[in-house]
N, C-alpha and C. Protein backbone atom coordinates (compact mmCIF):
# COMPACT_ATOMS: atom_id res chain seq x y z
N MET A 1 -38.14 36.13 -17.73
CA MET A 1 -37.44 35.91 -16.30
C MET A 1 -36.07 36.98 -15.38
N GLY A 2 -36.37 36.79 -14.35
CA GLY A 2 -35.71 37.26 -13.20
C GLY A 2 -34.58 37.02 -13.19
N SER A 3 -33.49 37.83 -12.44
CA SER A 3 -32.14 37.34 -12.29
C SER A 3 -31.77 36.60 -11.13
N ILE A 4 -33.25 36.67 -10.13
CA ILE A 4 -33.25 35.21 -9.63
C ILE A 4 -33.64 33.71 -9.93
N GLN A 5 -34.22 33.48 -10.70
CA GLN A 5 -34.67 32.77 -11.32
C GLN A 5 -33.79 32.15 -12.34
N LEU A 6 -33.00 33.40 -12.88
CA LEU A 6 -32.25 32.70 -13.65
C LEU A 6 -30.80 32.10 -13.28
N LEU A 7 -30.34 32.69 -12.38
CA LEU A 7 -29.61 32.41 -11.42
C LEU A 7 -29.99 30.84 -10.74
N ALA A 8 -30.92 30.17 -10.50
CA ALA A 8 -31.65 29.47 -9.94
C ALA A 8 -31.19 28.23 -11.53
N VAL A 9 -31.60 28.47 -12.14
CA VAL A 9 -31.79 27.70 -13.44
C VAL A 9 -29.93 27.37 -13.71
N LEU A 10 -29.14 28.22 -13.39
CA LEU A 10 -27.99 28.30 -13.88
C LEU A 10 -27.37 27.41 -12.67
N VAL A 11 -27.55 27.38 -11.15
CA VAL A 11 -26.98 26.74 -10.25
C VAL A 11 -27.57 24.99 -10.65
N SER A 12 -29.14 25.35 -11.29
CA SER A 12 -29.31 23.08 -11.65
C SER A 12 -28.52 23.39 -12.38
N ALA A 13 -28.17 23.59 -13.44
CA ALA A 13 -27.36 23.20 -14.56
C ALA A 13 -25.82 22.67 -13.84
N LEU A 14 -25.38 23.35 -13.00
CA LEU A 14 -23.71 23.33 -12.71
C LEU A 14 -24.04 22.19 -11.65
N VAL A 15 -25.16 21.48 -10.93
CA VAL A 15 -25.27 20.58 -10.27
C VAL A 15 -25.19 19.38 -10.76
N SER A 16 -26.30 19.99 -12.54
CA SER A 16 -26.51 18.64 -12.94
C SER A 16 -25.25 17.87 -13.41
N LEU A 17 -24.28 18.86 -13.49
CA LEU A 17 -22.93 18.44 -14.39
C LEU A 17 -21.60 17.88 -13.54
N THR A 18 -22.14 17.79 -11.87
CA THR A 18 -21.34 17.77 -11.10
C THR A 18 -21.56 16.32 -10.35
N SER A 19 -22.66 16.27 -10.57
CA SER A 19 -23.68 15.12 -9.74
C SER A 19 -24.09 13.76 -10.65
N ARG A 20 -23.77 12.29 -9.98
CA ARG A 20 -24.44 11.53 -10.47
C ARG A 20 -25.64 11.52 -10.67
N ALA A 21 -26.10 10.48 -11.22
CA ALA A 21 -27.83 9.75 -10.95
C ALA A 21 -27.97 9.60 -9.66
N ASP A 22 -26.97 8.24 -8.98
CA ASP A 22 -26.86 8.35 -7.36
C ASP A 22 -27.03 9.23 -6.62
N GLY A 23 -26.75 10.34 -7.01
CA GLY A 23 -26.63 11.42 -5.64
C GLY A 23 -25.29 11.97 -5.31
N LEU A 24 -24.60 10.96 -6.01
CA LEU A 24 -22.51 10.93 -5.58
C LEU A 24 -22.26 12.03 -6.05
N PRO A 25 -21.15 12.69 -6.00
CA PRO A 25 -20.60 13.82 -6.91
C PRO A 25 -19.68 13.48 -7.81
N TYR A 26 -19.25 13.77 -9.06
CA TYR A 26 -18.24 13.05 -9.49
C TYR A 26 -17.13 13.31 -8.81
N ALA A 27 -16.13 12.37 -9.00
CA ALA A 27 -14.74 13.17 -9.10
C ALA A 27 -14.15 13.95 -9.68
N PRO A 28 -13.05 14.97 -8.77
CA PRO A 28 -12.91 16.14 -8.97
C PRO A 28 -11.86 16.07 -10.21
N SER A 29 -11.94 16.98 -10.93
CA SER A 29 -11.23 17.01 -12.69
C SER A 29 -9.46 16.76 -12.27
N PHE A 30 -8.93 16.10 -10.76
CA PHE A 30 -7.68 15.94 -10.41
C PHE A 30 -7.45 15.04 -12.00
N PRO A 31 -7.74 13.96 -11.72
CA PRO A 31 -6.96 12.66 -12.54
C PRO A 31 -6.54 13.30 -14.06
N LEU A 32 -8.22 14.44 -14.78
CA LEU A 32 -7.49 14.39 -15.80
C LEU A 32 -6.25 15.86 -16.09
N ARG A 33 -6.54 16.80 -14.95
CA ARG A 33 -5.63 17.49 -15.21
C ARG A 33 -3.83 16.89 -14.61
N LEU A 34 -4.03 15.66 -13.79
CA LEU A 34 -2.50 15.05 -13.74
C LEU A 34 -2.26 14.56 -15.31
N ALA A 35 -2.97 14.10 -15.96
CA ALA A 35 -2.64 13.25 -17.61
C ALA A 35 -2.40 14.59 -18.19
N GLU A 36 -3.04 15.50 -18.28
CA GLU A 36 -2.41 16.81 -18.71
C GLU A 36 -1.20 17.10 -18.49
N ALA A 37 -0.95 17.04 -17.09
CA ALA A 37 0.14 17.38 -16.48
C ALA A 37 1.88 16.94 -17.28
N ALA A 38 1.33 15.16 -17.14
CA ALA A 38 2.08 14.42 -17.97
C ALA A 38 2.53 15.10 -19.54
N LEU A 39 1.48 15.13 -20.18
CA LEU A 39 1.58 15.45 -21.35
C LEU A 39 2.33 16.59 -21.99
N ALA A 40 2.04 17.71 -20.89
CA ALA A 40 3.22 18.48 -20.64
C ALA A 40 4.72 18.38 -21.05
N ARG A 41 4.85 17.14 -19.92
CA ARG A 41 6.05 16.35 -20.06
C ARG A 41 6.54 16.64 -21.38
N THR A 42 5.96 15.78 -22.30
CA THR A 42 6.28 15.69 -23.96
C THR A 42 7.24 17.06 -24.18
N GLN A 43 6.76 18.08 -23.93
CA GLN A 43 7.33 19.10 -24.35
C GLN A 43 9.04 19.54 -23.84
N GLN A 44 9.51 18.85 -22.80
CA GLN A 44 10.92 18.94 -21.95
C GLN A 44 11.64 18.21 -22.81
N ALA A 45 12.81 18.53 -23.02
CA ALA A 45 13.88 18.71 -23.49
C ALA A 45 14.36 17.75 -21.97
N VAL A 46 14.83 16.44 -22.29
CA VAL A 46 15.17 15.51 -21.35
C VAL A 46 15.74 14.33 -21.44
N THR A 47 17.03 14.24 -21.00
CA THR A 47 18.41 13.36 -20.86
C THR A 47 18.15 12.55 -19.74
N TYR A 48 17.85 10.92 -20.33
CA TYR A 48 18.09 10.00 -19.19
C TYR A 48 19.07 9.88 -18.33
N ASP A 49 18.88 9.84 -17.08
CA ASP A 49 20.13 10.24 -16.29
C ASP A 49 19.41 9.77 -15.01
N GLY A 50 19.63 8.44 -14.12
CA GLY A 50 19.09 8.43 -12.57
C GLY A 50 20.26 8.53 -11.82
N ARG A 51 21.19 9.17 -11.96
CA ARG A 51 22.10 9.80 -11.14
C ARG A 51 21.37 10.21 -9.70
N TYR A 52 22.36 9.73 -8.41
CA TYR A 52 21.73 10.04 -7.71
C TYR A 52 22.08 12.01 -6.94
N VAL A 53 21.22 12.78 -6.91
CA VAL A 53 21.81 14.04 -6.66
C VAL A 53 20.56 14.23 -5.46
N ARG A 54 21.73 15.19 -4.79
CA ARG A 54 21.06 15.84 -3.88
C ARG A 54 20.41 17.16 -4.15
N ILE A 55 19.12 16.88 -3.67
CA ILE A 55 18.12 18.19 -3.69
C ILE A 55 17.38 18.33 -2.24
N THR A 56 16.79 19.28 -2.38
CA THR A 56 16.59 20.83 -1.10
C THR A 56 15.17 19.60 -1.15
N TYR A 57 14.73 19.53 0.41
CA TYR A 57 13.25 19.34 0.92
C TYR A 57 12.49 19.86 1.76
N PRO A 58 11.57 19.96 1.30
CA PRO A 58 10.45 19.34 0.35
C PRO A 58 10.74 20.36 -1.25
N GLY A 59 9.64 19.95 -1.88
CA GLY A 59 9.80 20.33 -3.13
C GLY A 59 10.83 20.26 -3.81
N GLY A 60 11.99 19.54 -3.71
CA GLY A 60 13.17 19.16 -4.61
C GLY A 60 13.14 18.54 -6.19
N ASP A 61 14.13 18.89 -6.90
CA ASP A 61 14.04 18.13 -8.18
C ASP A 61 15.71 18.30 -8.50
N VAL A 62 15.68 17.22 -9.33
CA VAL A 62 17.05 16.97 -9.66
C VAL A 62 17.01 18.40 -10.81
N PRO A 63 17.98 18.31 -11.81
CA PRO A 63 18.10 19.61 -12.58
C PRO A 63 16.88 19.21 -13.78
N SER A 64 16.38 20.33 -14.27
CA SER A 64 15.54 20.23 -15.54
C SER A 64 15.19 19.37 -16.35
N HIS A 65 16.66 19.13 -16.68
CA HIS A 65 16.85 18.93 -17.99
C HIS A 65 17.69 17.16 -18.19
N ILE A 66 17.87 16.45 -16.83
CA ILE A 66 17.76 15.11 -16.41
C ILE A 66 16.75 14.61 -15.78
N GLY A 67 16.11 12.99 -16.27
CA GLY A 67 15.43 12.65 -15.19
C GLY A 67 15.49 10.96 -15.82
N VAL A 68 14.20 10.22 -15.14
CA VAL A 68 14.01 9.25 -15.15
C VAL A 68 12.72 9.10 -15.73
N CYS A 69 11.72 7.68 -15.44
CA CYS A 69 10.44 7.42 -15.90
C CYS A 69 9.82 8.04 -14.18
N THR A 70 10.23 7.62 -12.96
CA THR A 70 9.99 8.28 -11.92
C THR A 70 9.82 9.78 -12.07
N ASP A 71 10.43 10.45 -12.73
CA ASP A 71 10.98 11.91 -12.79
C ASP A 71 9.48 12.39 -13.08
N VAL A 72 9.36 11.94 -14.29
CA VAL A 72 7.35 12.13 -15.33
C VAL A 72 6.77 12.27 -14.02
N VAL A 73 6.35 11.02 -13.93
CA VAL A 73 5.44 11.09 -12.22
C VAL A 73 5.61 12.32 -11.38
N ILE A 74 6.53 12.40 -10.87
CA ILE A 74 7.15 12.93 -9.73
C ILE A 74 6.58 14.52 -10.05
N ARG A 75 6.99 15.39 -11.51
CA ARG A 75 6.68 16.38 -12.14
C ARG A 75 5.60 16.62 -12.24
N ALA A 76 5.37 15.57 -12.87
CA ALA A 76 3.47 15.77 -13.20
C ALA A 76 2.23 15.77 -12.03
N TYR A 77 2.86 15.24 -11.18
CA TYR A 77 1.97 15.72 -9.95
C TYR A 77 2.28 16.90 -9.22
N ARG A 78 3.91 17.21 -9.56
CA ARG A 78 3.95 18.77 -8.66
C ARG A 78 3.14 19.55 -9.48
N GLN A 79 3.08 19.27 -10.73
CA GLN A 79 2.47 20.57 -11.67
C GLN A 79 0.95 20.91 -11.56
N VAL A 80 0.54 19.69 -10.61
CA VAL A 80 -1.17 19.82 -10.24
C VAL A 80 -0.75 19.39 -8.31
N GLY A 81 -0.04 20.46 -7.98
CA GLY A 81 0.26 20.48 -6.37
C GLY A 81 0.15 19.45 -5.63
N VAL A 82 0.98 18.53 -5.74
CA VAL A 82 1.37 17.49 -4.96
C VAL A 82 2.78 16.93 -4.87
N ASP A 83 3.57 16.93 -3.83
CA ASP A 83 5.06 16.82 -3.90
C ASP A 83 4.74 15.48 -3.03
N LEU A 84 5.52 14.49 -4.28
CA LEU A 84 5.49 12.90 -4.07
C LEU A 84 6.73 12.90 -3.66
N GLN A 85 7.78 13.29 -3.35
CA GLN A 85 8.76 13.82 -2.72
C GLN A 85 8.53 13.85 -1.05
N ARG A 86 7.36 15.10 -0.31
CA ARG A 86 7.60 15.09 0.50
C ARG A 86 6.09 14.00 0.96
N GLU A 87 5.46 13.49 0.06
CA GLU A 87 4.70 12.59 1.16
C GLU A 87 5.14 10.84 1.19
N VAL A 88 6.21 10.84 0.04
CA VAL A 88 6.74 9.50 0.19
C VAL A 88 7.76 9.41 1.22
N HIS A 89 8.21 10.69 1.52
CA HIS A 89 9.26 10.56 2.94
C HIS A 89 8.45 10.70 3.99
N GLU A 90 6.98 10.98 4.00
CA GLU A 90 6.75 11.00 5.52
C GLU A 90 6.20 9.49 5.55
N GLU A 91 5.89 9.01 4.49
CA GLU A 91 5.16 7.64 4.82
C GLU A 91 5.97 6.88 5.03
N MET A 92 7.74 6.84 4.95
CA MET A 92 8.46 5.95 5.14
C MET A 92 9.21 6.77 6.35
N ARG A 93 9.25 7.44 7.02
CA ARG A 93 9.63 7.68 8.25
C ARG A 93 8.58 7.46 9.36
N VAL A 94 7.67 6.71 8.85
CA VAL A 94 7.11 6.41 10.21
C VAL A 94 6.58 4.58 9.60
N ALA A 95 6.83 3.98 8.60
CA ALA A 95 7.01 2.04 8.18
C ALA A 95 7.72 2.50 7.32
N PHE A 96 9.32 2.78 7.60
CA PHE A 96 10.37 2.53 6.73
C PHE A 96 10.75 0.59 6.83
N ASP A 97 10.14 -0.37 7.09
CA ASP A 97 11.02 -1.25 7.43
C ASP A 97 9.27 -1.95 6.02
N ALA A 98 8.40 -1.57 6.16
CA ALA A 98 7.23 -1.60 5.13
C ALA A 98 7.52 -1.37 3.63
N PHE A 99 8.54 -0.79 3.71
CA PHE A 99 9.25 -0.59 2.37
C PHE A 99 10.54 -1.06 1.83
N PRO A 100 10.57 -1.75 0.28
CA PRO A 100 11.56 -2.50 -0.30
C PRO A 100 12.90 -2.39 0.74
N GLN A 101 14.00 -3.04 0.96
CA GLN A 101 14.60 -2.89 1.54
C GLN A 101 16.18 -3.66 -0.07
N LEU A 102 16.13 -2.39 -0.98
CA LEU A 102 16.93 -2.97 -1.66
C LEU A 102 17.99 -2.31 -1.85
N TRP A 103 18.59 -1.22 -0.91
CA TRP A 103 19.64 0.06 -1.29
C TRP A 103 20.85 -0.29 -0.04
N GLY A 104 20.55 -1.13 1.07
CA GLY A 104 21.26 -1.01 2.41
C GLY A 104 21.18 -0.10 3.33
N LEU A 105 19.97 0.58 2.92
CA LEU A 105 19.55 2.05 3.36
C LEU A 105 19.00 2.09 5.05
N SER A 106 19.50 2.41 5.80
CA SER A 106 19.16 2.29 7.32
C SER A 106 18.05 3.37 7.55
N ARG A 107 17.74 4.20 7.06
CA ARG A 107 17.14 5.26 7.31
C ARG A 107 16.21 5.91 5.87
N PRO A 108 15.31 6.34 5.80
CA PRO A 108 14.22 7.71 4.74
C PRO A 108 15.76 8.10 4.12
N ASP A 109 15.86 8.31 2.74
CA ASP A 109 16.63 9.09 2.16
C ASP A 109 16.06 9.91 1.02
N PRO A 110 15.09 11.52 1.58
CA PRO A 110 14.67 12.67 0.49
C PRO A 110 15.15 12.93 -0.53
N ASN A 111 16.09 12.37 -0.57
CA ASN A 111 17.25 12.44 -1.97
C ASN A 111 16.48 11.81 -3.06
N ILE A 112 16.62 10.39 -2.81
CA ILE A 112 16.31 9.64 -3.69
C ILE A 112 14.91 8.83 -3.63
N ASP A 113 14.86 8.84 -2.29
CA ASP A 113 13.37 7.19 -1.88
C ASP A 113 12.35 7.41 -3.35
N HIS A 114 11.51 8.86 -3.14
CA HIS A 114 11.01 8.57 -4.22
C HIS A 114 11.14 8.58 -5.74
N ARG A 115 11.93 9.02 -6.52
CA ARG A 115 12.45 8.41 -7.27
C ARG A 115 12.55 7.03 -7.98
N ARG A 116 12.47 5.49 -7.02
CA ARG A 116 12.51 4.48 -7.39
C ARG A 116 11.45 3.92 -7.50
N VAL A 117 11.07 3.37 -8.45
CA VAL A 117 9.78 2.49 -8.43
C VAL A 117 9.65 1.77 -7.81
N PRO A 118 9.89 0.58 -7.10
CA PRO A 118 9.59 0.19 -5.90
C PRO A 118 9.67 0.71 -4.80
N ASN A 119 9.30 1.87 -4.30
CA ASN A 119 9.36 2.92 -3.23
C ASN A 119 7.56 4.02 -3.85
N LEU A 120 7.80 4.09 -4.82
CA LEU A 120 6.51 4.41 -5.15
C LEU A 120 5.73 3.30 -5.45
N ARG A 121 5.89 2.17 -5.84
CA ARG A 121 4.81 1.34 -5.94
C ARG A 121 4.03 0.79 -4.51
N ARG A 122 5.22 0.63 -3.66
CA ARG A 122 5.01 0.41 -2.02
C ARG A 122 4.16 1.78 -1.19
N PHE A 123 4.14 2.64 -1.93
CA PHE A 123 3.89 4.41 -1.66
C PHE A 123 2.15 4.19 -1.97
N LEU A 124 1.91 3.71 -3.40
CA LEU A 124 0.69 3.76 -4.06
C LEU A 124 -0.21 2.73 -2.98
N GLU A 125 0.33 1.53 -3.14
CA GLU A 125 -0.65 0.57 -2.47
C GLU A 125 -1.01 1.06 -1.28
N ARG A 126 0.17 1.42 -0.45
CA ARG A 126 -0.56 1.79 0.93
C ARG A 126 -1.04 3.00 1.11
N ARG A 127 -1.10 4.12 0.29
CA ARG A 127 -1.64 5.36 -0.04
C ARG A 127 -2.89 5.57 -0.71
N GLY A 128 -3.06 5.16 -2.11
CA GLY A 128 -3.49 5.23 -2.97
C GLY A 128 -5.00 3.99 -3.35
N ILE A 129 -5.25 4.04 -4.72
CA ILE A 129 -5.98 3.11 -4.64
C ILE A 129 -5.37 2.13 -5.88
N ASP A 130 -5.60 0.30 -4.88
CA ASP A 130 -4.24 -0.36 -5.94
C ASP A 130 -5.30 -1.48 -6.31
N LEU A 131 -5.90 -0.72 -7.92
CA LEU A 131 -6.47 -1.72 -8.55
C LEU A 131 -6.10 -2.79 -9.67
N PRO A 132 -6.49 -3.80 -9.76
CA PRO A 132 -6.82 -4.88 -10.29
C PRO A 132 -5.44 -4.60 -11.68
N VAL A 133 -4.65 -5.87 -12.34
CA VAL A 133 -4.14 -5.90 -13.24
C VAL A 133 -4.63 -6.49 -14.22
N THR A 134 -5.16 -5.99 -15.14
CA THR A 134 -6.08 -6.59 -16.19
C THR A 134 -5.72 -6.53 -17.53
N GLY A 135 -5.87 -7.26 -18.56
CA GLY A 135 -6.36 -6.92 -20.14
C GLY A 135 -7.36 -6.12 -20.78
N ASP A 136 -7.88 -5.33 -20.17
CA ASP A 136 -8.58 -4.63 -20.91
C ASP A 136 -8.79 -3.59 -20.50
N PRO A 137 -8.33 -2.59 -22.00
CA PRO A 137 -7.98 -1.31 -21.82
C PRO A 137 -8.65 -0.50 -21.07
N ALA A 138 -10.33 -0.36 -21.42
CA ALA A 138 -11.12 -0.02 -20.82
C ALA A 138 -10.94 0.13 -18.75
N ASP A 139 -10.09 -0.63 -18.14
CA ASP A 139 -10.02 -0.11 -17.07
C ASP A 139 -9.20 0.36 -16.48
N TYR A 140 -8.00 0.87 -17.62
CA TYR A 140 -7.12 1.95 -17.34
C TYR A 140 -7.28 3.22 -17.72
N ARG A 141 -7.60 4.35 -16.82
CA ARG A 141 -8.25 5.37 -17.06
C ARG A 141 -7.37 6.65 -16.83
N ALA A 142 -7.66 7.88 -17.76
CA ALA A 142 -6.55 9.03 -17.51
C ALA A 142 -6.19 9.33 -16.17
N GLY A 143 -4.87 9.37 -16.08
CA GLY A 143 -4.18 10.10 -14.74
C GLY A 143 -4.33 8.48 -13.93
N ASP A 144 -4.54 7.38 -14.07
CA ASP A 144 -3.78 6.23 -13.59
C ASP A 144 -2.73 5.74 -13.90
N LEU A 145 -2.17 5.53 -12.79
CA LEU A 145 -0.24 5.38 -12.73
C LEU A 145 0.06 3.75 -13.06
N VAL A 146 0.96 3.23 -14.45
CA VAL A 146 0.97 1.84 -14.27
C VAL A 146 2.43 1.27 -14.24
N THR A 147 3.25 0.26 -13.81
CA THR A 147 4.18 0.00 -13.22
C THR A 147 4.25 -1.28 -13.87
N TRP A 148 5.47 -1.49 -14.94
CA TRP A 148 5.81 -3.25 -15.78
C TRP A 148 7.57 -3.25 -15.11
N LEU A 149 7.13 -4.01 -15.53
CA LEU A 149 9.09 -5.05 -15.24
C LEU A 149 9.73 -5.28 -16.77
N LEU A 150 10.76 -4.66 -17.17
CA LEU A 150 11.35 -4.12 -18.63
C LEU A 150 12.60 -5.63 -18.65
N ALA A 151 12.24 -6.24 -19.54
CA ALA A 151 13.39 -7.38 -19.60
C ALA A 151 13.66 -8.33 -18.16
N GLY A 152 12.61 -8.41 -17.25
CA GLY A 152 12.38 -9.15 -16.47
C GLY A 152 13.08 -9.10 -15.30
N ARG A 153 13.58 -7.35 -15.14
CA ARG A 153 14.35 -6.90 -14.18
C ARG A 153 14.77 -5.71 -13.91
N LEU A 154 14.01 -4.66 -15.12
CA LEU A 154 13.94 -3.48 -14.86
C LEU A 154 12.69 -2.81 -14.47
N PRO A 155 12.29 -2.02 -13.42
CA PRO A 155 10.92 -1.92 -12.76
C PRO A 155 10.93 -0.12 -13.84
N HIS A 156 9.51 -0.57 -14.09
CA HIS A 156 9.37 1.31 -15.15
C HIS A 156 7.62 1.60 -14.54
N ILE A 157 7.66 2.53 -14.40
CA ILE A 157 6.13 3.45 -14.51
C ILE A 157 6.04 4.73 -15.38
N GLY A 158 5.07 4.50 -15.45
CA GLY A 158 4.22 5.62 -16.60
C GLY A 158 2.73 6.29 -16.20
N ILE A 159 2.18 7.22 -17.00
CA ILE A 159 0.97 7.78 -16.60
C ILE A 159 -0.06 8.00 -17.69
N VAL A 160 -1.25 6.82 -17.11
CA VAL A 160 -1.57 6.87 -18.34
C VAL A 160 -2.99 8.18 -18.86
N VAL A 161 -2.57 8.27 -20.32
CA VAL A 161 -3.49 9.86 -20.61
C VAL A 161 -4.58 9.29 -21.50
N ALA A 162 -5.69 10.56 -21.89
CA ALA A 162 -6.93 10.18 -22.23
C ALA A 162 -6.52 10.26 -24.14
N GLU A 163 -5.27 10.49 -24.68
CA GLU A 163 -5.62 10.08 -25.67
C GLU A 163 -5.45 8.52 -26.05
N GLN A 164 -5.68 8.30 -27.06
CA GLN A 164 -6.30 6.49 -27.71
C GLN A 164 -5.78 5.95 -28.57
N SER A 165 -5.12 5.25 -28.99
CA SER A 165 -4.22 4.90 -30.01
C SER A 165 -4.89 4.54 -30.92
N PRO A 166 -4.61 4.20 -32.46
CA PRO A 166 -5.24 4.20 -33.48
C PRO A 166 -6.41 3.61 -33.49
N GLY A 167 -7.52 3.66 -33.77
CA GLY A 167 -8.92 2.66 -33.88
C GLY A 167 -9.39 2.89 -32.02
N GLY A 168 -8.67 3.82 -31.04
CA GLY A 168 -9.74 4.00 -30.18
C GLY A 168 -8.87 2.27 -29.24
N GLN A 169 -8.79 1.57 -29.62
CA GLN A 169 -7.85 0.33 -28.73
C GLN A 169 -7.00 0.11 -27.51
N ARG A 170 -6.36 1.10 -27.42
CA ARG A 170 -5.72 1.46 -25.98
C ARG A 170 -5.15 2.89 -25.43
N PRO A 171 -5.79 3.15 -23.96
CA PRO A 171 -5.26 4.51 -23.81
C PRO A 171 -3.61 4.54 -24.39
N LEU A 172 -3.00 5.65 -24.23
CA LEU A 172 -1.82 5.63 -24.64
C LEU A 172 -0.98 5.94 -23.36
N ILE A 173 0.20 6.21 -23.47
CA ILE A 173 1.19 6.29 -21.83
C ILE A 173 1.88 7.61 -22.05
N VAL A 174 2.21 8.51 -21.12
CA VAL A 174 3.03 8.80 -21.40
C VAL A 174 4.42 8.82 -20.09
N HIS A 175 5.35 8.16 -20.72
CA HIS A 175 6.36 7.92 -19.72
C HIS A 175 8.32 8.07 -20.59
N ASN A 176 8.63 7.86 -19.99
CA ASN A 176 9.98 8.04 -20.07
C ASN A 176 10.83 6.68 -20.21
N ILE A 177 11.11 6.55 -21.15
CA ILE A 177 12.02 4.62 -21.21
C ILE A 177 13.37 4.69 -21.69
N GLY A 178 14.07 6.17 -21.73
CA GLY A 178 15.72 6.49 -22.24
C GLY A 178 15.35 7.22 -23.27
N GLU A 179 14.50 8.04 -23.75
CA GLU A 179 14.69 8.95 -24.96
C GLU A 179 14.37 9.96 -24.66
N GLY A 180 13.77 10.33 -22.68
CA GLY A 180 13.10 11.65 -22.48
C GLY A 180 11.20 11.09 -22.57
N PRO A 181 10.63 11.94 -21.73
CA PRO A 181 9.48 11.77 -21.78
C PRO A 181 8.76 11.76 -22.98
N GLU A 182 8.08 10.95 -23.22
CA GLU A 182 6.99 10.58 -24.63
C GLU A 182 5.30 10.17 -24.53
N LEU A 183 4.83 9.83 -25.25
CA LEU A 183 3.44 9.37 -25.58
C LEU A 183 3.86 8.34 -26.45
N ALA A 184 3.26 7.19 -25.66
CA ALA A 184 3.32 6.14 -26.65
C ALA A 184 2.13 5.34 -26.54
N ASP A 185 2.68 3.90 -27.13
CA ASP A 185 1.45 2.99 -26.91
C ASP A 185 1.80 2.03 -26.42
N VAL A 186 1.73 1.78 -25.34
CA VAL A 186 2.69 0.75 -24.78
C VAL A 186 2.23 0.23 -23.88
N LEU A 187 0.77 0.49 -23.03
CA LEU A 187 0.05 -0.11 -22.11
C LEU A 187 0.55 -1.38 -21.94
N PHE A 188 0.51 -2.69 -22.83
CA PHE A 188 0.47 -3.68 -22.65
C PHE A 188 1.78 -4.49 -23.59
N SER A 189 2.84 -3.27 -23.74
CA SER A 189 3.68 -3.91 -24.36
C SER A 189 4.45 -4.86 -23.70
N TYR A 190 4.77 -4.46 -22.01
CA TYR A 190 5.45 -5.23 -21.43
C TYR A 190 4.58 -6.00 -20.00
N PRO A 191 5.12 -6.91 -19.15
CA PRO A 191 4.54 -7.47 -18.14
C PRO A 191 3.81 -6.30 -17.28
N ILE A 192 2.88 -5.90 -16.87
CA ILE A 192 2.20 -4.90 -15.89
C ILE A 192 2.41 -5.73 -14.64
N THR A 193 3.02 -4.84 -13.52
CA THR A 193 3.28 -5.74 -12.15
C THR A 193 2.50 -4.49 -11.34
N GLY A 194 1.44 -3.56 -12.03
CA GLY A 194 0.89 -2.53 -10.93
C GLY A 194 0.02 -1.84 -11.68
N HIS A 195 -1.07 -1.36 -11.08
CA HIS A 195 -2.18 -0.38 -11.75
C HIS A 195 -2.52 0.22 -10.41
N TYR A 196 -2.75 1.80 -10.41
CA TYR A 196 -2.84 2.20 -9.13
C TYR A 196 -3.43 3.66 -9.56
N ARG A 197 -4.40 4.30 -8.84
CA ARG A 197 -4.86 5.71 -8.60
C ARG A 197 -4.87 6.66 -7.49
N TYR A 198 -4.52 7.84 -7.87
CA TYR A 198 -3.93 8.18 -6.12
C TYR A 198 -4.23 9.30 -6.82
N LEU A 199 -5.28 9.77 -5.61
CA LEU A 199 -5.87 11.25 -5.65
C LEU A 199 -5.92 11.71 -4.35
N PRO A 200 -5.12 12.55 -3.89
CA PRO A 200 -4.09 13.41 -2.86
C PRO A 200 -4.74 14.23 -2.11
N ASP A 201 -6.53 13.75 -1.67
CA ASP A 201 -7.43 14.66 -1.22
C ASP A 201 -7.70 14.97 0.27
N THR A 202 -6.14 15.32 0.98
CA THR A 202 -6.05 15.03 2.40
C THR A 202 -6.94 13.63 3.34
N GLY A 203 -6.24 12.35 2.61
CA GLY A 203 -7.15 11.14 2.91
C GLY A 203 -8.32 10.80 2.19
N LYS A 204 -9.56 12.01 1.44
CA LYS A 204 -10.42 11.99 1.00
C LYS A 204 -10.36 11.13 -0.53
N ARG A 205 -10.17 9.79 -0.43
CA ARG A 205 -9.94 9.51 -1.30
C ARG A 205 -10.72 8.32 -1.93
N LEU A 206 -11.56 8.24 -3.30
CA LEU A 206 -12.61 7.74 -3.98
C LEU A 206 -12.10 6.40 -4.26
N ALA A 207 -13.29 5.45 -3.78
CA ALA A 207 -13.11 4.48 -4.37
C ALA A 207 -13.19 4.30 -5.79
N PRO A 208 -12.79 3.29 -6.22
CA PRO A 208 -13.33 3.27 -7.87
C PRO A 208 -13.86 3.23 -8.20
N ASP A 209 -15.52 3.02 -7.78
CA ASP A 209 -16.67 2.90 -8.11
C ASP A 209 -17.50 4.48 -7.94
N GLN A 210 -16.61 4.84 -6.96
CA GLN A 210 -16.65 6.32 -6.97
C GLN A 210 -16.46 7.43 -7.72
N LEU A 211 -15.53 6.98 -9.12
CA LEU A 211 -14.62 8.02 -9.59
C LEU A 211 -15.63 9.07 -10.58
N GLY A 212 -16.67 8.62 -11.69
CA GLY A 212 -17.29 9.14 -12.31
C GLY A 212 -16.54 9.16 -13.58
N ALA A 213 -16.76 9.55 -14.80
CA ALA A 213 -15.87 9.84 -15.71
C ALA A 213 -14.53 10.84 -15.60
N THR A 214 -13.68 9.68 -15.66
CA THR A 214 -12.46 10.66 -16.05
C THR A 214 -11.41 10.69 -17.76
N LYS A 215 -12.07 10.29 -18.47
CA LYS A 215 -11.58 10.65 -19.92
C LYS A 215 -12.46 11.21 -20.38
């Protein structure tokens, strides 16, 4: 086989790996990379601390040794090149009244807005894919974001990863519920309030049936 024919075979193989039977491309590897970034967070020593801290903008972060559940999400996204501080702030600048008015603010505050679960939920509803909340573990894919309500009053958020519970019954979650970022079997341990998928590709987000395999 000549070099040209070999190149043609390799290109054909690559296309077959990145295309579905219906001709549409599989979603980029972003969800898996996000899930892997979330797993990497579990190797960091973080004290649960949600204090208000003035940070730079954009690209700001609280000290690396502290954080809450939202900081797991923010840091995982930042590791794959997405600054949720900036994206949430820009959305709130143009639609502040559409976001929860729970903190007595009259304008966006880039120091804290993105670190609040209700704000992240509204941002994801507006700019991500707002997915159904179900009891079927197969509906939750690596890279998805899930929110819960703890003790009937505390909003919480975590990232679905590819790892499974014993017997493959449920996908595991990376979250920080008080002991730092951890991998845990908690998908259905609390009432789920939201299920989202955010693929920030300059607005070219894929519908759920176009996502291909993300596990």
